[in-house]
Amino acid sequence: MLKIIRIVIGAFLAIGLSSVASAQRFDTKNLFFGGGLSQNKLEGSKSGTGYQFFGGYAFGQVAPQIRVDAELGYMDSGNVEKCQTFPILGSVCGSGKAKGLWANGVARYRVAPQIDLIGRAGLDFGDDDGFMFGVGGGYLLNRNSQLRLEYVVRQNINSLQFNFVYQP
């Protein structure tokens, strides 16, 4: 039942974002894509190195210095090792990974000509499904590319992500 509710919420988000895009005349120049590496941590575990890639649509400026985007992506946490200590058995370790699709709304606040503060919220539809949110910053390298550093929190896994974003 919970999975169905999440799918319905995702569908409403997609419909809502497509309505905004059609109201603003969908422009392929507003499409962007990116990807990067992440350090992922499950509570009580060692970090795992993973990756993510994504695409999005920049809706543009909605208020002075504030821009809004929609992103759809895929993440793989890499192997995350977790150990549990038992009185008689000692430490027992195992590893696992989380992967899957996600969809987020992203707000960017321009604090300087080349620096954005970034906030995101949305849903993860993969192994770590549920609500996700994040905060971070971006540095504009030039008109078409940006480096981002973000901290993203999911249901079980928290990630420190370093991404490159390109808008042709």
N, C-alpha and C. Protein backbone atom coordinates (compact mmCIF):
# COMPACT_ATOMS: atom_id res chain seq x y z
N MET A 1 0.83 -1.20 0.00
CA MET A 1 0.00 0.00 0.00
C MET A 1 0.87 1.26 0.00
N LEU A 2 1.93 1.26 0.85
CA LEU A 2 2.81 2.42 0.93
C LEU A 2 3.51 2.66 -0.41
N LYS A 3 3.87 1.59 -1.11
CA LYS A 3 4.52 1.70 -2.42
C LYS A 3 3.57 2.36 -3.42
N ILE A 4 2.29 2.01 -3.38
CA ILE A 4 1.29 2.59 -4.27
C ILE A 4 1.14 4.08 -4.00
N ILE A 5 1.12 4.47 -2.71
CA ILE A 5 1.00 5.88 -2.34
C ILE A 5 2.18 6.67 -2.89
N ARG A 6 3.39 6.11 -2.77
CA ARG A 6 4.58 6.79 -3.29
C ARG A 6 4.53 6.95 -4.80
N ILE A 7 4.04 5.94 -5.50
CA ILE A 7 3.92 6.02 -6.96
C ILE A 7 2.92 7.10 -7.35
N VAL A 8 1.79 7.16 -6.63
CA VAL A 8 0.77 8.18 -6.90
C VAL A 8 1.35 9.58 -6.66
N ILE A 9 2.08 9.75 -5.55
CA ILE A 9 2.70 11.05 -5.26
C ILE A 9 3.68 11.41 -6.37
N GLY A 10 4.48 10.46 -6.81
CA GLY A 10 5.42 10.69 -7.90
C GLY A 10 4.71 11.09 -9.19
N ALA A 11 3.58 10.44 -9.47
CA ALA A 11 2.81 10.79 -10.67
C ALA A 11 2.27 12.21 -10.58
N PHE A 12 1.76 12.60 -9.41
CA PHE A 12 1.27 13.97 -9.23
C PHE A 12 2.39 14.98 -9.38
N LEU A 13 3.59 14.67 -8.85
CA LEU A 13 4.74 15.56 -9.03
C LEU A 13 5.07 15.72 -10.51
N ALA A 14 5.07 14.62 -11.24
CA ALA A 14 5.39 14.67 -12.67
C ALA A 14 4.35 15.48 -13.43
N ILE A 15 3.08 15.28 -13.11
CA ILE A 15 2.02 16.03 -13.78
C ILE A 15 2.14 17.52 -13.45
N GLY A 16 2.37 17.82 -12.17
CA GLY A 16 2.50 19.22 -11.75
C GLY A 16 3.67 19.91 -12.42
N LEU A 17 4.82 19.23 -12.46
CA LEU A 17 6.00 19.83 -13.09
C LEU A 17 5.81 19.98 -14.59
N SER A 18 5.14 19.00 -15.23
CA SER A 18 4.91 19.13 -16.66
C SER A 18 3.93 20.25 -16.96
N SER A 19 2.98 20.50 -16.05
CA SER A 19 2.05 21.62 -16.23
C SER A 19 2.79 22.95 -16.16
N VAL A 20 3.72 23.06 -15.21
CA VAL A 20 4.53 24.28 -15.10
C VAL A 20 5.37 24.45 -16.35
N ALA A 21 5.97 23.35 -16.83
CA ALA A 21 6.80 23.42 -18.03
C ALA A 21 5.99 23.83 -19.25
N SER A 22 4.78 23.30 -19.39
CA SER A 22 3.98 23.67 -20.56
C SER A 22 3.50 25.11 -20.45
N ALA A 23 3.23 25.58 -19.23
CA ALA A 23 2.81 26.97 -19.06
C ALA A 23 3.95 27.92 -19.42
N GLN A 24 5.19 27.48 -19.23
CA GLN A 24 6.34 28.32 -19.55
C GLN A 24 6.90 28.02 -20.94
N ARG A 25 6.19 27.26 -21.74
CA ARG A 25 6.68 26.84 -23.05
C ARG A 25 7.96 26.03 -22.91
N PHE A 26 7.84 24.75 -22.92
CA PHE A 26 8.97 23.85 -22.75
C PHE A 26 10.07 24.21 -23.74
N ASP A 27 11.26 24.42 -23.22
CA ASP A 27 12.41 24.82 -24.04
C ASP A 27 13.55 23.85 -23.78
N THR A 28 14.01 23.17 -24.81
CA THR A 28 15.09 22.19 -24.64
C THR A 28 16.39 22.83 -24.16
N LYS A 29 16.51 24.15 -24.28
CA LYS A 29 17.70 24.83 -23.77
C LYS A 29 17.76 24.82 -22.25
N ASN A 30 16.65 24.50 -21.60
CA ASN A 30 16.60 24.45 -20.14
C ASN A 30 16.93 23.06 -19.59
N LEU A 31 17.16 22.10 -20.47
CA LEU A 31 17.53 20.75 -20.01
C LEU A 31 19.00 20.75 -19.57
N PHE A 32 19.30 19.94 -18.56
CA PHE A 32 20.68 19.79 -18.11
C PHE A 32 20.90 18.35 -17.66
N PHE A 33 22.14 17.96 -17.50
CA PHE A 33 22.46 16.63 -17.00
C PHE A 33 23.74 16.72 -16.17
N GLY A 34 23.94 15.70 -15.35
CA GLY A 34 25.11 15.70 -14.49
C GLY A 34 25.34 14.35 -13.86
N GLY A 35 26.39 14.30 -13.07
CA GLY A 35 26.72 13.07 -12.36
C GLY A 35 27.93 13.30 -11.48
N GLY A 36 28.19 12.32 -10.65
CA GLY A 36 29.35 12.45 -9.78
C GLY A 36 29.52 11.27 -8.85
N LEU A 37 30.39 11.49 -7.89
CA LEU A 37 30.73 10.47 -6.89
C LEU A 37 30.15 10.84 -5.54
N SER A 38 29.95 9.83 -4.70
CA SER A 38 29.40 10.09 -3.37
C SER A 38 30.03 9.17 -2.33
N GLN A 39 30.11 9.68 -1.12
CA GLN A 39 30.47 8.87 0.05
C GLN A 39 29.15 8.62 0.78
N ASN A 40 28.79 7.35 0.92
CA ASN A 40 27.49 6.98 1.47
C ASN A 40 27.67 6.27 2.80
N LYS A 41 26.79 6.57 3.73
CA LYS A 41 26.91 5.99 5.07
C LYS A 41 25.55 5.54 5.55
N LEU A 42 25.52 4.32 6.04
CA LEU A 42 24.38 3.74 6.71
C LEU A 42 24.68 3.85 8.20
N GLU A 43 23.69 4.19 9.02
CA GLU A 43 23.95 4.38 10.45
C GLU A 43 24.71 3.20 11.04
N GLY A 44 25.82 3.49 11.70
CA GLY A 44 26.63 2.46 12.33
C GLY A 44 27.50 1.69 11.36
N SER A 45 27.75 2.23 10.18
CA SER A 45 28.53 1.50 9.18
C SER A 45 29.74 2.31 8.73
N LYS A 46 30.58 1.64 7.94
CA LYS A 46 31.67 2.33 7.28
C LYS A 46 31.13 2.96 6.00
N SER A 47 31.85 3.94 5.46
CA SER A 47 31.41 4.60 4.24
C SER A 47 31.65 3.73 3.02
N GLY A 48 30.79 3.89 2.04
CA GLY A 48 30.95 3.25 0.75
C GLY A 48 31.00 4.32 -0.32
N THR A 49 31.79 4.09 -1.35
CA THR A 49 31.87 5.05 -2.45
C THR A 49 30.92 4.62 -3.55
N GLY A 50 30.06 5.55 -3.94
CA GLY A 50 29.07 5.26 -4.97
C GLY A 50 29.07 6.34 -6.03
N TYR A 51 28.03 6.34 -6.83
CA TYR A 51 27.91 7.31 -7.91
C TYR A 51 26.44 7.63 -8.14
N GLN A 52 26.21 8.70 -8.86
CA GLN A 52 24.88 9.08 -9.27
C GLN A 52 24.97 9.82 -10.59
N PHE A 53 23.90 9.74 -11.37
CA PHE A 53 23.77 10.57 -12.56
C PHE A 53 22.32 11.00 -12.66
N PHE A 54 22.10 12.14 -13.30
CA PHE A 54 20.76 12.71 -13.31
C PHE A 54 20.58 13.64 -14.50
N GLY A 55 19.34 13.95 -14.76
CA GLY A 55 18.97 14.94 -15.75
C GLY A 55 17.91 15.83 -15.15
N GLY A 56 17.74 17.00 -15.72
CA GLY A 56 16.75 17.88 -15.15
C GLY A 56 16.30 18.97 -16.11
N TYR A 57 15.38 19.76 -15.61
CA TYR A 57 14.84 20.88 -16.34
C TYR A 57 14.88 22.11 -15.45
N ALA A 58 15.49 23.19 -15.93
CA ALA A 58 15.58 24.44 -15.17
C ALA A 58 14.38 25.31 -15.54
N PHE A 59 13.49 25.53 -14.58
CA PHE A 59 12.31 26.36 -14.83
C PHE A 59 12.65 27.84 -14.85
N GLY A 60 13.80 28.19 -14.30
CA GLY A 60 14.24 29.58 -14.33
C GLY A 60 14.00 30.30 -13.03
N GLN A 61 14.14 31.59 -13.09
CA GLN A 61 14.05 32.43 -11.89
C GLN A 61 12.58 32.62 -11.52
N VAL A 62 12.24 32.31 -10.26
CA VAL A 62 10.87 32.46 -9.76
C VAL A 62 10.75 33.64 -8.81
N ALA A 63 11.85 34.12 -8.29
CA ALA A 63 11.93 35.28 -7.41
C ALA A 63 13.35 35.83 -7.55
N PRO A 64 13.60 37.03 -7.06
CA PRO A 64 14.97 37.55 -7.18
C PRO A 64 16.00 36.58 -6.61
N GLN A 65 16.95 36.19 -7.44
CA GLN A 65 18.07 35.31 -7.09
C GLN A 65 17.66 33.86 -6.82
N ILE A 66 16.40 33.47 -7.00
CA ILE A 66 15.95 32.09 -6.72
C ILE A 66 15.52 31.42 -8.02
N ARG A 67 16.11 30.26 -8.27
CA ARG A 67 15.79 29.45 -9.45
C ARG A 67 15.27 28.09 -8.98
N VAL A 68 14.38 27.51 -9.77
CA VAL A 68 13.78 26.22 -9.42
C VAL A 68 14.01 25.24 -10.56
N ASP A 69 14.40 24.02 -10.19
CA ASP A 69 14.65 22.94 -11.15
C ASP A 69 13.89 21.69 -10.72
N ALA A 70 13.71 20.78 -11.66
CA ALA A 70 13.23 19.43 -11.37
C ALA A 70 14.31 18.47 -11.84
N GLU A 71 14.62 17.46 -11.03
CA GLU A 71 15.66 16.49 -11.40
C GLU A 71 15.13 15.07 -11.25
N LEU A 72 15.58 14.20 -12.14
CA LEU A 72 15.30 12.78 -12.09
C LEU A 72 16.64 12.07 -12.24
N GLY A 73 16.95 11.15 -11.33
CA GLY A 73 18.27 10.53 -11.39
C GLY A 73 18.30 9.10 -10.91
N TYR A 74 19.51 8.56 -10.94
CA TYR A 74 19.78 7.19 -10.49
C TYR A 74 20.98 7.25 -9.56
N MET A 75 20.92 6.51 -8.45
CA MET A 75 22.06 6.46 -7.53
C MET A 75 22.40 5.01 -7.21
N ASP A 76 23.68 4.80 -6.98
CA ASP A 76 24.19 3.51 -6.50
C ASP A 76 25.14 3.83 -5.35
N SER A 77 24.84 3.32 -4.17
CA SER A 77 25.62 3.67 -2.98
C SER A 77 26.99 3.01 -2.93
N GLY A 78 27.22 2.04 -3.78
CA GLY A 78 28.44 1.25 -3.65
C GLY A 78 28.28 0.32 -2.46
N ASN A 79 29.26 -0.51 -2.21
CA ASN A 79 29.18 -1.44 -1.07
C ASN A 79 29.39 -0.69 0.24
N VAL A 80 28.43 -0.81 1.12
CA VAL A 80 28.50 -0.20 2.44
C VAL A 80 28.59 -1.34 3.45
N GLU A 81 29.68 -1.35 4.22
CA GLU A 81 29.92 -2.44 5.17
C GLU A 81 29.42 -2.05 6.56
N LYS A 82 28.68 -2.97 7.17
CA LYS A 82 28.17 -2.73 8.52
C LYS A 82 28.56 -3.91 9.40
N CYS A 83 29.04 -3.60 10.59
CA CYS A 83 29.44 -4.63 11.54
C CYS A 83 28.57 -4.53 12.79
N GLN A 84 28.24 -5.68 13.34
CA GLN A 84 27.46 -5.76 14.57
C GLN A 84 28.27 -6.61 15.56
N THR A 85 28.40 -6.13 16.78
CA THR A 85 29.15 -6.87 17.79
C THR A 85 28.18 -7.61 18.71
N PHE A 86 28.45 -8.92 18.89
CA PHE A 86 27.65 -9.77 19.76
C PHE A 86 28.52 -10.26 20.91
N PRO A 87 27.95 -10.43 22.12
CA PRO A 87 28.75 -10.81 23.29
C PRO A 87 29.58 -12.09 23.10
N ILE A 88 29.02 -13.13 22.56
CA ILE A 88 29.74 -14.40 22.44
C ILE A 88 30.40 -14.53 21.07
N LEU A 89 29.74 -14.11 20.03
CA LEU A 89 30.23 -14.29 18.66
C LEU A 89 31.29 -13.28 18.25
N GLY A 90 31.34 -12.14 18.91
CA GLY A 90 32.25 -11.07 18.49
C GLY A 90 31.61 -10.24 17.40
N SER A 91 32.43 -9.71 16.50
CA SER A 91 31.90 -8.88 15.42
C SER A 91 31.50 -9.72 14.21
N VAL A 92 30.34 -9.41 13.69
CA VAL A 92 29.85 -10.03 12.47
C VAL A 92 29.62 -8.89 11.48
N CYS A 93 30.26 -8.99 10.31
CA CYS A 93 30.17 -7.93 9.32
C CYS A 93 29.48 -8.42 8.06
N GLY A 94 28.84 -7.50 7.40
CA GLY A 94 28.20 -7.78 6.12
C GLY A 94 28.20 -6.51 5.30
N SER A 95 27.94 -6.65 4.03
CA SER A 95 27.88 -5.46 3.19
C SER A 95 26.64 -5.51 2.32
N GLY A 96 26.24 -4.36 1.89
CA GLY A 96 25.08 -4.24 1.03
C GLY A 96 25.17 -2.96 0.24
N LYS A 97 24.21 -2.74 -0.60
CA LYS A 97 24.18 -1.51 -1.38
C LYS A 97 22.74 -1.13 -1.63
N ALA A 98 22.54 0.13 -1.87
CA ALA A 98 21.23 0.65 -2.25
C ALA A 98 21.38 1.32 -3.61
N LYS A 99 20.38 1.15 -4.44
CA LYS A 99 20.40 1.77 -5.75
C LYS A 99 18.98 2.01 -6.21
N GLY A 100 18.83 2.89 -7.15
CA GLY A 100 17.51 3.13 -7.70
C GLY A 100 17.28 4.55 -8.16
N LEU A 101 16.07 4.79 -8.66
CA LEU A 101 15.68 6.08 -9.20
C LEU A 101 15.20 7.02 -8.11
N TRP A 102 15.32 8.32 -8.37
CA TRP A 102 14.81 9.34 -7.47
C TRP A 102 14.32 10.54 -8.29
N ALA A 103 13.43 11.33 -7.69
CA ALA A 103 12.92 12.55 -8.31
C ALA A 103 12.89 13.65 -7.25
N ASN A 104 13.43 14.82 -7.59
CA ASN A 104 13.53 15.93 -6.64
C ASN A 104 13.14 17.25 -7.27
N GLY A 105 12.60 18.13 -6.44
CA GLY A 105 12.51 19.53 -6.77
C GLY A 105 13.73 20.20 -6.16
N VAL A 106 14.36 21.12 -6.88
CA VAL A 106 15.59 21.75 -6.42
C VAL A 106 15.42 23.27 -6.48
N ALA A 107 15.78 23.93 -5.38
CA ALA A 107 15.79 25.39 -5.35
C ALA A 107 17.23 25.85 -5.22
N ARG A 108 17.61 26.84 -6.03
CA ARG A 108 18.96 27.39 -6.00
C ARG A 108 18.87 28.89 -5.70
N TYR A 109 19.60 29.31 -4.70
CA TYR A 109 19.63 30.73 -4.31
C TYR A 109 21.00 31.29 -4.64
N ARG A 110 21.06 32.27 -5.52
CA ARG A 110 22.32 32.88 -5.97
C ARG A 110 22.79 33.88 -4.92
N VAL A 111 23.87 33.54 -4.19
CA VAL A 111 24.40 34.42 -3.14
C VAL A 111 25.54 35.30 -3.64
N ALA A 112 26.15 34.92 -4.75
CA ALA A 112 27.22 35.69 -5.38
C ALA A 112 27.17 35.35 -6.87
N PRO A 113 27.85 36.10 -7.72
CA PRO A 113 27.75 35.85 -9.16
C PRO A 113 28.04 34.41 -9.59
N GLN A 114 28.87 33.69 -8.85
CA GLN A 114 29.19 32.32 -9.24
C GLN A 114 28.82 31.28 -8.20
N ILE A 115 28.13 31.65 -7.14
CA ILE A 115 27.85 30.72 -6.03
C ILE A 115 26.36 30.61 -5.76
N ASP A 116 25.88 29.35 -5.72
CA ASP A 116 24.49 29.04 -5.39
C ASP A 116 24.43 28.26 -4.09
N LEU A 117 23.43 28.55 -3.27
CA LEU A 117 23.06 27.65 -2.18
C LEU A 117 21.95 26.77 -2.74
N ILE A 118 21.99 25.48 -2.41
CA ILE A 118 21.08 24.52 -3.02
C ILE A 118 20.28 23.79 -1.94
N GLY A 119 18.99 23.65 -2.18
CA GLY A 119 18.13 22.83 -1.33
C GLY A 119 17.32 21.91 -2.22
N ARG A 120 17.10 20.70 -1.77
CA ARG A 120 16.34 19.73 -2.57
C ARG A 120 15.41 18.93 -1.69
N ALA A 121 14.31 18.45 -2.27
CA ALA A 121 13.38 17.56 -1.58
C ALA A 121 12.66 16.73 -2.63
N GLY A 122 12.39 15.49 -2.29
CA GLY A 122 11.70 14.63 -3.24
C GLY A 122 11.56 13.22 -2.71
N LEU A 123 11.45 12.28 -3.65
CA LEU A 123 11.23 10.88 -3.31
C LEU A 123 12.29 10.00 -3.95
N ASP A 124 12.69 8.96 -3.21
CA ASP A 124 13.57 7.92 -3.72
C ASP A 124 12.68 6.71 -4.00
N PHE A 125 12.77 6.15 -5.20
CA PHE A 125 11.93 5.02 -5.59
C PHE A 125 12.72 3.72 -5.64
N GLY A 126 13.95 3.71 -5.17
CA GLY A 126 14.81 2.53 -5.27
C GLY A 126 14.82 1.70 -4.01
N ASP A 127 15.97 1.08 -3.74
CA ASP A 127 16.12 0.22 -2.56
C ASP A 127 15.94 1.00 -1.26
N ASP A 128 16.29 2.26 -1.27
CA ASP A 128 16.17 3.12 -0.08
C ASP A 128 14.99 4.07 -0.27
N ASP A 129 13.82 3.49 -0.61
CA ASP A 129 12.68 4.31 -0.99
C ASP A 129 12.11 5.11 0.17
N GLY A 130 11.58 6.26 -0.19
CA GLY A 130 11.00 7.15 0.79
C GLY A 130 11.38 8.58 0.51
N PHE A 131 11.09 9.44 1.46
CA PHE A 131 11.38 10.87 1.33
C PHE A 131 12.89 11.10 1.37
N MET A 132 13.36 12.05 0.61
CA MET A 132 14.77 12.44 0.64
C MET A 132 14.87 13.96 0.55
N PHE A 133 15.93 14.51 1.15
CA PHE A 133 16.17 15.94 1.08
C PHE A 133 17.66 16.18 1.16
N GLY A 134 18.07 17.40 0.79
CA GLY A 134 19.49 17.70 0.84
C GLY A 134 19.75 19.20 0.81
N VAL A 135 20.97 19.55 1.18
CA VAL A 135 21.44 20.94 1.14
C VAL A 135 22.87 20.94 0.61
N GLY A 136 23.27 22.06 0.05
CA GLY A 136 24.63 22.15 -0.45
C GLY A 136 24.90 23.46 -1.13
N GLY A 137 25.94 23.44 -1.96
CA GLY A 137 26.34 24.63 -2.67
C GLY A 137 26.83 24.28 -4.06
N GLY A 138 26.80 25.26 -4.93
CA GLY A 138 27.28 25.08 -6.29
C GLY A 138 28.17 26.23 -6.70
N TYR A 139 29.17 25.93 -7.50
CA TYR A 139 30.09 26.94 -8.03
C TYR A 139 30.01 26.90 -9.55
N LEU A 140 29.62 28.01 -10.16
CA LEU A 140 29.53 28.09 -11.62
C LEU A 140 30.92 28.24 -12.22
N LEU A 141 31.32 27.25 -13.00
CA LEU A 141 32.61 27.30 -13.69
C LEU A 141 32.54 28.25 -14.88
N ASN A 142 31.42 28.17 -15.60
CA ASN A 142 31.14 29.05 -16.72
C ASN A 142 29.63 29.02 -16.95
N ARG A 143 29.18 29.59 -18.04
CA ARG A 143 27.75 29.69 -18.32
C ARG A 143 27.07 28.32 -18.43
N ASN A 144 27.81 27.29 -18.79
CA ASN A 144 27.23 25.98 -19.05
C ASN A 144 27.53 24.91 -18.01
N SER A 145 28.40 25.15 -17.06
CA SER A 145 28.77 24.07 -16.14
C SER A 145 28.91 24.56 -14.70
N GLN A 146 28.64 23.63 -13.80
CA GLN A 146 28.66 23.93 -12.38
C GLN A 146 29.21 22.72 -11.62
N LEU A 147 29.97 22.98 -10.56
CA LEU A 147 30.38 21.95 -9.61
C LEU A 147 29.49 22.09 -8.38
N ARG A 148 29.01 20.95 -7.86
CA ARG A 148 28.14 20.97 -6.68
C ARG A 148 28.68 20.06 -5.60
N LEU A 149 28.53 20.50 -4.36
CA LEU A 149 28.82 19.68 -3.19
C LEU A 149 27.56 19.71 -2.34
N GLU A 150 26.96 18.52 -2.10
CA GLU A 150 25.70 18.44 -1.38
C GLU A 150 25.72 17.31 -0.36
N TYR A 151 24.93 17.50 0.68
CA TYR A 151 24.69 16.44 1.66
C TYR A 151 23.24 16.03 1.51
N VAL A 152 23.01 14.76 1.15
CA VAL A 152 21.66 14.26 0.86
C VAL A 152 21.30 13.17 1.86
N VAL A 153 20.10 13.30 2.44
CA VAL A 153 19.61 12.35 3.44
C VAL A 153 18.45 11.56 2.84
N ARG A 154 18.56 10.25 2.89
CA ARG A 154 17.49 9.36 2.46
C ARG A 154 16.97 8.60 3.68
N GLN A 155 16.08 7.67 3.43
CA GLN A 155 15.50 6.88 4.52
C GLN A 155 16.56 6.19 5.37
N ASN A 156 17.53 5.55 4.74
CA ASN A 156 18.57 4.79 5.46
C ASN A 156 19.99 5.28 5.20
N ILE A 157 20.24 5.83 4.04
CA ILE A 157 21.60 6.18 3.64
C ILE A 157 21.74 7.69 3.51
N ASN A 158 22.80 8.23 4.11
CA ASN A 158 23.16 9.64 3.96
C ASN A 158 24.37 9.73 3.04
N SER A 159 24.37 10.73 2.16
CA SER A 159 25.43 10.84 1.15
C SER A 159 26.05 12.23 1.12
N LEU A 160 27.35 12.26 0.98
CA LEU A 160 28.07 13.48 0.65
C LEU A 160 28.42 13.35 -0.82
N GLN A 161 27.84 14.23 -1.66
CA GLN A 161 27.96 14.08 -3.10
C GLN A 161 28.75 15.22 -3.73
N PHE A 162 29.59 14.86 -4.67
CA PHE A 162 30.33 15.83 -5.48
C PHE A 162 29.92 15.60 -6.94
N ASN A 163 29.24 16.59 -7.55
CA ASN A 163 28.68 16.42 -8.88
C ASN A 163 29.15 17.49 -9.85
N PHE A 164 29.17 17.13 -11.10
CA PHE A 164 29.39 18.06 -12.20
C PHE A 164 28.08 18.16 -12.97
N VAL A 165 27.62 19.39 -13.24
CA VAL A 165 26.37 19.62 -13.96
C VAL A 165 26.68 20.39 -15.23
N TYR A 166 26.08 19.93 -16.34
CA TYR A 166 26.31 20.58 -17.63
C TYR A 166 24.97 20.93 -18.26
N GLN A 167 24.83 22.18 -18.70
CA GLN A 167 23.63 22.63 -19.41
C GLN A 167 24.07 23.15 -20.77
N PRO A 168 23.82 22.37 -21.83
CA PRO A 168 24.28 22.76 -23.18
C PRO A 168 23.73 24.10 -23.65
